[in-house]
Protein backbone atom coordinates (compact mmCIF):
# COMPACT_ATOMS: atom_id res chain seq x y z
CA UNK A 1 -0.02 0.03 -0.08
CA UNK A 2 2.93 2.44 0.75
CA UNK A 3 4.53 1.79 -2.65
CA UNK A 4 1.04 2.50 -4.21
CA UNK A 5 0.75 5.77 -2.27
CA UNK A 6 4.35 6.79 -3.51
CA UNK A 7 3.49 5.77 -7.13
CA UNK A 8 0.22 7.49 -7.51
CA UNK A 9 1.63 11.14 -7.53
CA UNK A 10 4.43 9.98 -9.92
CA UNK A 11 1.66 8.59 -12.37
CA UNK A 12 -0.05 12.07 -11.97
CA UNK A 13 3.13 13.83 -12.99
CA UNK A 14 3.49 11.58 -16.07
CA UNK A 15 0.02 12.17 -17.08
CA UNK A 16 0.30 15.97 -16.63
CA UNK A 17 3.54 15.93 -18.72
CA UNK A 18 1.58 14.59 -21.65
CA UNK A 19 -1.09 17.15 -21.48
CA UNK A 20 -0.45 20.41 -23.61
CA UNK A 21 0.09 23.60 -21.48
CA UNK A 22 -3.00 25.42 -22.83
CA UNK A 23 -5.30 22.74 -21.53
CA UNK A 24 -5.21 24.34 -17.98
CA UNK A 25 -8.35 22.83 -16.68
CA UNK A 26 -7.45 19.38 -17.52
CA UNK A 27 -3.96 19.78 -15.93
CA UNK A 28 -5.66 21.10 -12.60
CA UNK A 29 -8.18 18.25 -12.73
CA UNK A 30 -5.47 15.51 -13.10
CA UNK A 31 -3.42 17.05 -10.30
CA UNK A 32 -6.30 17.38 -7.98
CA UNK A 33 -7.68 13.82 -8.66
CA UNK A 34 -4.42 12.26 -8.27
CA UNK A 35 -3.64 14.00 -4.89
CA UNK A 36 -7.15 13.41 -3.59
CA UNK A 37 -7.05 9.64 -4.46
CA UNK A 38 -3.64 9.58 -2.74
CA UNK A 39 -5.21 10.95 0.26
CA UNK A 40 -8.20 8.72 0.36
CA UNK A 41 -5.71 5.75 0.06
CA UNK A 42 -3.63 6.98 2.96
CA UNK A 43 -6.86 6.93 5.13
CA UNK A 44 -6.93 3.15 4.64
CA UNK A 45 -3.54 3.01 6.37
CA UNK A 46 -5.37 4.43 9.54
CA UNK A 47 -8.36 2.06 9.07
CA UNK A 48 -6.26 -1.17 8.82
CA UNK A 49 -3.57 0.04 11.38
CA UNK A 50 -3.22 -2.40 14.26
CA UNK A 51 -3.21 -0.28 17.47
CA UNK A 52 -2.31 -3.27 19.55
CA UNK A 53 1.09 -3.60 17.89
CA UNK A 54 4.23 -1.52 18.47
CA UNK A 55 5.96 -2.99 15.49
CA UNK A 56 6.25 -1.28 12.03
CA UNK A 57 3.38 -2.25 9.69
CA UNK A 58 2.68 -2.17 5.98
CA UNK A 59 6.26 -3.39 5.57
CA UNK A 60 7.74 -3.29 2.02
CA UNK A 61 11.26 -4.24 1.09
CA UNK A 62 13.08 -3.44 -2.26
CA UNK A 63 16.55 -4.28 -3.29
CA UNK A 64 18.11 -1.00 -4.20
CA UNK A 65 21.85 -0.79 -3.57
CA UNK A 66 22.49 -4.20 -2.09
CA UNK A 67 26.12 -3.91 -2.96
CA UNK A 68 26.38 -1.24 -0.21
CA UNK A 69 23.84 -3.06 2.09
CA UNK A 70 21.27 -0.19 1.45
CA UNK A 71 17.58 -1.13 0.75
CA UNK A 72 14.46 0.68 0.02
CA UNK A 73 12.74 -0.44 3.28
CA UNK A 74 9.30 1.01 4.05
CA UNK A 75 7.08 0.78 7.08
CA UNK A 76 5.03 2.87 9.49
CA UNK A 77 4.14 2.85 13.23
CA UNK A 78 1.94 5.04 15.36
CA UNK A 79 4.56 7.90 15.21
CA UNK A 80 4.61 8.15 11.47
CA UNK A 81 1.02 7.13 10.49
CA UNK A 82 -0.56 10.50 10.78
CA UNK A 83 2.29 12.48 9.19
CA UNK A 84 1.72 10.38 5.98
CA UNK A 85 -2.08 11.28 6.12
CA UNK A 86 -1.36 15.01 6.93
CA UNK A 87 1.03 15.22 3.92
CA UNK A 88 -1.48 13.72 1.43
CA UNK A 89 -4.27 15.90 2.83
CA UNK A 90 -2.40 19.24 2.73
CA UNK A 91 -1.14 18.57 -0.81
CA UNK A 92 -4.73 18.09 -1.97
CA UNK A 93 -5.74 21.29 -0.21
CA UNK A 94 -2.81 23.23 -1.70
CA UNK A 95 -3.76 22.09 -5.31
CA UNK A 96 -7.36 22.99 -4.86
CA UNK A 97 -6.31 26.42 -3.44
CA UNK A 98 -4.16 27.11 -6.46
CA UNK A 99 -7.09 26.63 -8.93
CA UNK A 100 -7.41 30.26 -9.92
CA UNK A 101 -4.38 31.94 -8.47
CA UNK A 102 -1.57 30.39 -10.47
CA UNK A 103 -1.26 31.70 -14.13
CA UNK A 104 2.18 30.76 -15.32
CA UNK A 105 4.02 27.56 -15.73
CA UNK A 106 0.98 25.63 -14.73
CA UNK A 107 2.27 22.18 -15.46
CA UNK A 108 5.49 22.62 -13.62
CA UNK A 109 3.77 24.16 -10.61
CA UNK A 110 1.54 21.00 -10.09
CA UNK A 111 4.38 18.69 -10.85
CA UNK A 112 6.36 20.35 -7.98
CA UNK A 113 3.42 19.61 -5.58
CA UNK A 114 2.87 16.03 -6.74
CA UNK A 115 6.71 15.48 -6.32
CA UNK A 116 6.55 16.74 -2.87
CA UNK A 117 3.61 14.50 -2.08
CA UNK A 118 5.54 11.41 -3.17
CA UNK A 119 8.70 12.55 -1.37
CA UNK A 120 6.96 13.26 1.84
CA UNK A 121 5.32 9.86 1.99
CA UNK A 122 8.85 8.36 1.61
CA UNK A 123 10.34 10.56 4.28
CA UNK A 124 7.71 9.55 6.87
CA UNK A 125 7.74 5.84 5.98
CA UNK A 126 11.34 4.88 4.93
CA UNK A 127 13.34 2.81 7.49
CA UNK A 128 16.80 3.19 5.95
CA UNK A 129 18.79 6.18 7.08
CA UNK A 130 20.52 6.85 3.70
CA UNK A 131 17.29 6.70 1.82
CA UNK A 132 15.75 8.99 4.48
CA UNK A 133 18.51 11.49 3.97
CA UNK A 134 18.10 11.48 0.17
CA UNK A 135 14.51 12.32 0.24
CA UNK A 136 14.75 14.52 3.25
CA UNK A 137 17.00 16.76 1.11
CA UNK A 138 15.18 16.19 -2.20
CA UNK A 139 12.12 18.00 -1.01
CA UNK A 140 14.25 21.19 -1.17
CA UNK A 141 14.24 21.16 -4.87
CA UNK A 142 10.54 21.43 -5.57
CA UNK A 143 10.07 23.80 -2.58
CA UNK A 144 12.90 26.01 -3.87
CA UNK A 145 11.24 26.22 -7.21
CA UNK A 146 7.81 26.94 -5.61
CA UNK A 147 9.20 29.99 -3.70
CA UNK A 148 11.59 31.14 -6.38
CA UNK A 149 9.30 30.92 -9.51
CA UNK A 150 5.82 31.36 -8.09
CA UNK A 151 6.64 33.63 -5.08
CA UNK A 152 4.69 36.83 -4.71
CA UNK A 153 7.31 39.62 -4.39
CA UNK A 154 10.64 40.75 -5.76
CA UNK A 155 12.59 39.21 -2.97
CA UNK A 156 11.46 35.68 -3.74
CA UNK A 157 14.91 34.61 -5.27
CA UNK A 158 16.79 35.67 -2.12
CA UNK A 159 14.25 33.94 0.02
CA UNK A 160 14.40 30.73 -2.08
CA UNK A 161 18.28 30.65 -1.90
CA UNK A 162 18.21 31.48 1.81
CA UNK A 163 15.90 28.52 2.46
CA UNK A 164 17.88 26.12 0.27
CA UNK A 165 21.25 26.97 1.47
CA UNK A 166 20.39 27.02 5.27
CA UNK A 167 18.68 23.70 5.12
CA UNK A 168 21.18 22.06 2.83
CA UNK A 169 24.33 23.14 4.63
CA UNK A 170 22.79 22.08 8.00
CA UNK A 171 22.01 18.64 6.62
CA UNK A 172 25.60 17.96 5.44
CA UNK A 173 26.50 17.25 9.06
CA UNK A 174 23.87 14.49 9.19
CA UNK A 175 25.20 13.12 6.07
CA UNK A 176 28.81 12.81 7.47
CA UNK A 177 27.28 11.08 10.60
CA UNK A 178 25.47 8.60 8.40
CA UNK A 179 28.70 7.78 6.61
CA UNK A 180 30.41 7.22 9.97
CA UNK A 181 27.65 5.00 11.23
CA UNK A 182 27.74 3.00 7.97
CA UNK A 183 31.49 2.33 8.15
CA UNK A 184 31.18 1.56 11.81
CA UNK A 185 28.36 -0.95 11.54
CA UNK A 186 28.20 -1.85 7.90
CA UNK A 187 24.50 -0.98 7.56
CA UNK A 188 22.08 1.89 7.36
CA UNK A 189 19.01 -0.10 8.24
CA UNK A 190 17.18 1.82 11.05
CA UNK A 191 15.97 -1.30 12.81
CA UNK A 192 19.50 -2.74 12.98
CA UNK A 193 21.04 0.57 13.94
CA UNK A 194 18.42 0.84 16.78
CA UNK A 195 20.08 -2.10 18.43
CA UNK A 196 23.62 -0.82 18.19
CA UNK A 197 25.22 0.80 21.21
CA UNK A 198 27.69 3.47 20.40
CA UNK A 199 30.19 4.77 23.00
CA UNK A 200 29.27 7.84 24.92
CA UNK A 201 31.67 10.08 23.11
CA UNK A 202 30.62 8.89 19.66
CA UNK A 203 27.02 9.27 20.60
CA UNK A 204 27.52 12.95 21.58
CA UNK A 205 29.16 13.75 18.22
CA UNK A 206 26.61 11.93 16.20
CA UNK A 207 23.73 13.43 18.11
CA UNK A 208 25.00 16.91 17.55
CA UNK A 209 25.29 16.18 13.77
CA UNK A 210 21.76 14.98 13.49
CA UNK A 211 20.54 17.68 15.68
CA UNK A 212 22.01 20.52 13.72
CA UNK A 213 20.26 19.17 10.67
CA UNK A 214 16.88 18.74 12.28
CA UNK A 215 16.99 22.07 14.30
CA UNK A 216 17.40 24.03 10.99
CA UNK A 217 14.37 22.25 9.48
CA UNK A 218 12.22 22.83 12.63
CA UNK A 219 13.56 25.62 12.87
CA UNK A 220 14.84 26.26 16.34
CA UNK A 221 16.33 29.55 17.42
CA UNK A 222 18.88 30.73 16.32
CA UNK A 223 18.45 28.83 12.97
CA UNK A 224 15.00 30.23 12.23
CA UNK A 225 16.05 33.35 10.11
CA UNK A 226 15.10 31.72 6.86
CA UNK A 227 11.47 30.87 7.79
CA UNK A 228 9.73 34.23 8.00
CA UNK A 229 11.41 35.30 4.71
CA UNK A 230 10.43 32.02 2.95
CA UNK A 231 6.83 32.43 4.23
CA UNK A 232 6.50 36.01 3.11
CA UNK A 233 7.83 35.29 -0.33
CA UNK A 234 6.17 31.92 -1.09
CA UNK A 235 2.80 31.56 -2.69
CA UNK A 236 -0.01 30.73 -0.33
CA UNK A 237 0.07 26.97 -1.13
CA UNK A 238 3.87 27.03 -0.58
CA UNK A 239 3.37 28.59 2.82
CA UNK A 240 0.84 25.87 3.55
CA UNK A 241 3.14 22.96 2.74
CA UNK A 242 6.19 24.77 4.46
CA UNK A 243 4.26 25.32 7.75
CA UNK A 244 1.84 22.51 7.65
CA UNK A 245 4.25 19.61 6.98
CA UNK A 246 7.84 20.48 6.07
CA UNK A 247 8.58 21.93 9.55
CA UNK A 248 7.45 18.63 11.02
CA UNK A 249 10.23 16.77 9.31
CA UNK A 250 12.60 18.25 11.76
CA UNK A 251 10.70 17.31 14.81
CA UNK A 252 9.88 14.00 13.40
CA UNK A 253 13.55 13.36 12.74
CA UNK A 254 14.40 14.25 16.33
CA UNK A 255 11.75 11.90 17.61
CA UNK A 256 12.47 9.00 15.18
CA UNK A 257 16.30 9.10 14.89
CA UNK A 258 17.90 11.31 17.66
CA UNK A 259 16.00 9.69 20.54
CA UNK A 260 16.10 6.19 19.24
CA UNK A 261 19.65 5.96 18.05
CA UNK A 262 21.33 8.03 20.59
CA UNK A 263 19.45 7.76 23.96
CA UNK A 264 22.41 8.63 26.18
CA UNK A 265 23.18 11.90 24.13
CA UNK A 266 19.54 12.74 24.04
CA UNK A 267 19.35 12.80 27.83
CA UNK A 268 22.70 14.49 28.13
CA UNK A 269 21.74 17.42 25.87
CA UNK A 270 18.28 17.84 27.27
CA UNK A 271 19.17 20.99 29.31
CA UNK A 272 20.52 22.54 26.15
CA UNK A 273 17.39 21.77 24.14
CA UNK A 274 15.22 23.11 26.99
CA UNK A 275 17.15 26.44 26.90
CA UNK A 276 16.87 26.84 23.31
CA UNK A 277 13.17 25.94 23.28
CA UNK A 278 12.23 28.18 26.21
CA UNK A 279 14.14 31.11 24.58
CA UNK A 280 12.30 30.52 21.28
CA UNK A 281 8.86 30.35 22.81
CA UNK A 282 9.37 33.70 24.49
CA UNK A 283 11.51 35.52 21.94
CA UNK A 284 9.42 34.61 18.91
CA UNK A 285 6.23 35.36 20.70
CA UNK A 286 7.46 38.77 21.61
CA UNK A 287 8.75 39.25 17.97
CA UNK A 288 5.36 38.27 16.64
CA UNK A 289 3.70 41.13 18.61
CA UNK A 290 5.69 43.75 16.71
CA UNK A 291 5.15 42.37 13.16
CA UNK A 292 3.07 44.35 10.54
CA UNK A 293 2.92 41.64 7.85
CA UNK A 294 0.16 38.95 8.31
CA UNK A 295 2.33 36.16 7.04
CA UNK A 296 5.14 37.02 9.39
CA UNK A 297 2.90 36.89 12.28
CA UNK A 298 1.83 33.34 11.46
CA UNK A 299 5.63 32.40 10.58
CA UNK A 300 6.92 33.54 14.00
CA UNK A 301 4.14 32.01 15.90
CA UNK A 302 4.99 28.62 14.03
CA UNK A 303 8.57 28.95 15.44
CA UNK A 304 7.14 29.26 18.97
CA UNK A 305 4.75 26.27 18.47
CA UNK A 306 7.56 24.07 17.12
CA UNK A 307 9.58 25.14 20.29
CA UNK A 308 6.72 23.79 22.33
CA UNK A 309 6.99 20.46 20.39
CA UNK A 310 10.86 20.12 21.14
CA UNK A 311 10.09 20.69 24.88
CA UNK A 312 7.54 17.80 24.79
CA UNK A 313 9.80 15.50 22.78
CA UNK A 314 12.67 15.83 25.41
CA UNK A 315 10.42 15.30 28.48
CA UNK A 316 11.02 11.57 27.86
CA UNK A 317 7.50 10.61 29.14
CA UNK A 318 4.26 9.43 27.53
CA UNK A 319 2.33 12.67 28.25
CA UNK A 320 4.96 15.01 26.79
CA UNK A 321 5.69 13.05 23.58
CA UNK A 322 2.09 12.34 22.80
CA UNK A 323 1.29 16.10 23.50
CA UNK A 324 4.15 17.17 21.09
CA UNK A 325 2.79 14.84 18.36
CA UNK A 326 -0.67 16.29 18.86
CA UNK A 327 0.73 19.85 18.61
CA UNK A 328 2.46 18.87 15.27
CA UNK A 329 -0.75 17.57 13.74
CA UNK A 330 -2.77 20.39 15.22
CA UNK A 331 -0.22 23.01 13.88
CA UNK A 332 -0.51 21.25 10.47
CA UNK A 333 -4.24 22.17 10.34
CA UNK A 334 -4.36 25.47 12.06
CA UNK A 335 -1.30 27.22 10.54
CA UNK A 336 -2.37 25.92 7.14
CA UNK A 337 -5.77 27.43 7.56
CA UNK A 338 -4.43 30.80 8.68
CA UNK A 339 -2.09 30.97 5.74
CA UNK A 340 -5.05 30.18 3.46
CA UNK A 341 -7.12 32.90 5.24
CA UNK A 342 -4.33 35.39 4.59
CA UNK A 343 -4.03 34.08 0.92
CA UNK A 344 -7.79 35.05 0.39
CA UNK A 345 -6.99 38.68 1.43
CA UNK A 346 -3.86 38.75 -0.75
CA UNK A 347 -5.54 37.26 -3.90
CA UNK A 348 -8.19 40.03 -3.63
CA UNK A 349 -6.16 43.07 -2.60
CA UNK A 350 -2.55 42.14 -3.14
CA UNK A 351 -1.23 43.37 0.25
CA UNK A 352 -0.57 41.58 3.52
CA UNK A 353 0.06 44.63 5.57
CA UNK A 354 -2.19 44.93 8.67
CA UNK A 355 -2.81 48.66 8.34
CA UNK A 356 -4.85 48.16 5.21
CA UNK A 357 -7.39 45.87 6.84
CA UNK A 358 -9.88 46.72 9.54
CA UNK A 359 -13.54 46.01 10.36
CA UNK A 360 -13.75 43.01 7.99
CA UNK A 361 -16.68 41.48 9.98
CA UNK A 362 -18.86 44.17 8.38
CA UNK A 363 -18.18 43.12 4.80
CA UNK A 364 -16.76 39.57 5.00
CA UNK A 365 -18.69 37.91 7.80
CA UNK A 366 -18.01 34.23 6.75
CA UNK A 367 -14.40 34.95 6.30
CA UNK A 368 -14.34 36.75 9.68
CA UNK A 369 -15.76 33.57 11.29
CA UNK A 370 -13.09 31.25 9.85
CA UNK A 371 -10.26 33.75 10.68
CA UNK A 372 -11.48 34.18 14.24
CA UNK A 373 -11.93 30.41 14.75
CA UNK A 374 -8.42 29.59 13.55
CA UNK A 375 -6.92 32.45 15.54
CA UNK A 376 -8.58 31.11 18.69
CA UNK A 377 -7.39 27.68 17.86
CA UNK A 378 -3.89 29.04 17.44
CA UNK A 379 -3.75 30.34 20.94
CA UNK A 380 -4.98 26.89 22.34
CA UNK A 381 -8.64 27.65 23.08
CA UNK A 382 -10.27 24.75 24.89
CA UNK A 383 -12.15 22.45 22.55
CA UNK A 384 -9.57 22.86 19.78
CA UNK A 385 -6.69 20.66 18.84
CA UNK A 386 -3.97 22.97 20.15
CA UNK A 387 -5.43 22.81 23.64
CA UNK A 388 -5.30 19.04 23.79
CA UNK A 389 -1.61 18.99 22.64
CA UNK A 390 -0.44 21.92 24.80
CA UNK A 391 -2.17 20.46 27.90
CA UNK A 392 -0.36 16.98 27.55
CA UNK A 393 2.89 18.82 26.79
CA UNK A 394 2.68 20.92 29.91
CA UNK A 395 1.80 17.95 32.00
CA UNK A 396 4.69 16.05 30.65
CA UNK A 397 7.07 18.95 30.96
CA UNK A 398 5.93 19.51 34.64
CA UNK A 399 6.96 16.06 35.53
CA UNK A 400 10.41 16.64 33.91
CA UNK A 401 11.22 20.43 34.61
CA UNK A 402 8.94 22.90 36.39
CA UNK A 403 11.02 25.90 35.37
CA UNK A 404 10.67 25.02 31.62
CA UNK A 405 6.92 24.46 32.14
CA UNK A 406 6.50 27.99 33.53
CA UNK A 407 8.45 29.58 30.78
CA UNK A 408 6.51 27.66 28.14
CA UNK A 409 3.25 28.84 29.85
CA UNK A 410 4.34 32.39 29.50
CA UNK A 411 4.64 31.77 25.73
CA UNK A 412 1.02 30.66 25.81
CA UNK A 413 -0.07 33.96 27.43
CA UNK A 414 2.03 35.95 24.89
CA UNK A 415 0.34 33.78 22.19
CA UNK A 416 -3.07 34.66 23.38
CA UNK A 417 -1.90 38.41 23.33
CA UNK A 418 -0.82 38.46 19.62
CA UNK A 419 -3.69 36.27 18.36
CA UNK A 420 -6.37 38.53 19.98
CA UNK A 421 -4.56 41.64 19.00
CA UNK A 422 -4.41 40.42 15.40
CA UNK A 423 -8.16 39.58 15.38
CA UNK A 424 -8.95 42.92 16.85
CA UNK A 425 -7.04 44.90 14.34
CA UNK A 426 -8.13 42.97 11.17
CA UNK A 427 -11.77 41.89 11.96
CA UNK A 428 -13.06 44.65 14.28
CA UNK A 429 -13.07 48.46 14.40
CA UNK A 430 -14.00 50.87 11.71
CA UNK A 431 -13.85 49.75 8.01
CA UNK A 432 -10.83 51.28 6.15
CA UNK A 433 -12.47 52.35 2.98
CA UNK A 434 -9.54 54.75 2.33
CA UNK A 435 -7.41 52.02 0.91
CA UNK A 436 -9.83 49.35 -0.26
CA UNK A 437 -13.26 50.16 -1.71
CA UNK A 438 -14.61 46.68 -2.81
CA UNK A 439 -14.82 43.61 -0.64
CA UNK A 440 -16.05 40.12 -1.39
CA UNK A 441 -16.52 37.33 0.99
CA UNK A 442 -15.01 33.80 0.51
CA UNK A 443 -16.14 31.73 -2.40
CA UNK A 444 -17.62 28.25 -2.46
CA UNK A 445 -14.19 26.83 -3.33
CA UNK A 446 -12.44 28.65 -0.42
CA UNK A 447 -15.32 27.57 1.95
CA UNK A 448 -14.77 23.91 0.86
CA UNK A 449 -11.07 24.27 1.47
CA UNK A 450 -11.26 25.74 5.06
CA UNK A 451 -14.20 23.63 6.34
CA UNK A 452 -12.28 20.37 6.45
CA UNK A 453 -9.53 22.02 8.41
CA UNK A 454 -12.07 23.44 10.79
CA UNK A 455 -13.66 20.08 11.33
CA UNK A 456 -10.35 18.34 11.99
CA UNK A 457 -9.32 21.02 14.48
CA UNK A 458 -12.59 20.50 16.39
CA UNK A 459 -12.40 16.76 16.12
CA UNK A 460 -8.97 16.55 17.52
CA UNK A 461 -9.84 18.92 20.30
CA UNK A 462 -12.91 17.28 21.40
CA UNK A 463 -11.94 13.59 20.88
CA UNK A 464 -8.10 13.28 20.84
CA UNK A 465 -8.05 9.72 21.96
CA UNK A 466 -8.69 8.44 18.54
CA UNK A 467 -5.35 10.08 17.44
CA UNK A 468 -3.66 9.04 20.57
CA UNK A 469 -4.66 5.25 20.36
CA UNK A 470 -2.23 4.38 17.54
CA UNK A 471 0.57 6.30 19.15
CA UNK A 472 0.61 4.65 22.66
CA UNK A 473 2.57 1.58 21.98
CA UNK A 474 5.03 3.04 19.53
CA UNK A 475 5.89 5.80 22.07
CA UNK A 476 6.06 3.33 24.97
CA UNK A 477 8.46 1.06 22.94
CA UNK A 478 10.60 4.19 22.33
CA UNK A 479 10.75 5.18 25.95
CA UNK A 480 11.78 1.69 26.99
CA UNK A 481 15.00 2.12 24.87
CA UNK A 482 15.68 5.45 26.59
């Protein structure tokens, strides 16, 4: 089933490449149907997933470079299951969102998104460290093109190169660590490496190499500089993929590889991670308060949420790690929805500066409802998905370190501050007719895009147990090794 999930977007790319460029509607229909069927098929992974097993499921094994003892080995557990589903879901949303906004190089645009769909499924399901690295880095290429070619402003090339170079250079250290592990053990199979015990000194250096790569992707302070710039210059769908799923590759890598392969080093460096995360929560929340660009507000808030995730991961208890996974999934829904809401305004008025918007509840009531809902969800309002994840993370961190819990809680208060202030400036107050004369509420297509995200946010907030059940045994199995 996993190989079929990976192959479907590739088949879509082949079909699109055969269609003439002038048949725009046919290209869009092929891209959307292919991504949508990939998403539907990924749901069956959840339906047939065995919650009573902590082992990897849907195992597939392909001989790739056997001369180097490297195999294309696929499988998912409770940790990776929902990231595969989230990837296929958000790619479908992005393709539908781009229906009328993308005018140039249409074939190449949809090929980039289908390529990312296939690569993301591989990243979250592959069980060979070398293959993981290859596709972990391969995603940079289509994302670089999306920002650099279809970006919205003149600084898009600078943002694209900054994104590419930051993440590529950081990942080179992980590649060196993988080579060392291969020459030390003779294999890159994750399950075999999981049984290998390295010396304490080697673990420390290997962990640092992996951590540098993943921390740039998260991104953690001080490696976060590329993110706001990339978000501002990327098209709306590019921001959705970037915030909704690409940032999760870093935290997923920390959870899957750093904790599993280097348990001693993970515990040793926990104070270091706590300091970086606590600083990031407070610093980026304060930075968010002074932003005047709508996209930068959501971009900096994403850094704060990801810092919350790293705190949860390094609590080394069930509550903290489960909470961090819920925040990752929740952030995929909420940040994506907020970027889509900002995209609605930008598509109509071609500006993201807050000063041009005020009193939107008077002229765009349906839009205002969605924007207010997702802003409340972003601050962790009870009954939404963020609340469930943040509550579990705080419970877990309190058991591990009360000072970090207090600092993280101040970040939640600041988050409420910038979310409420944002809503107050954009949705309420007098209507600014000096700049924009004509307003139109969201279309049926935009309503169809935002509604599933709203329902998922409520579903996870009201009944998180259905998401937690598949995770329990996989996380317990990970904690036993630590």
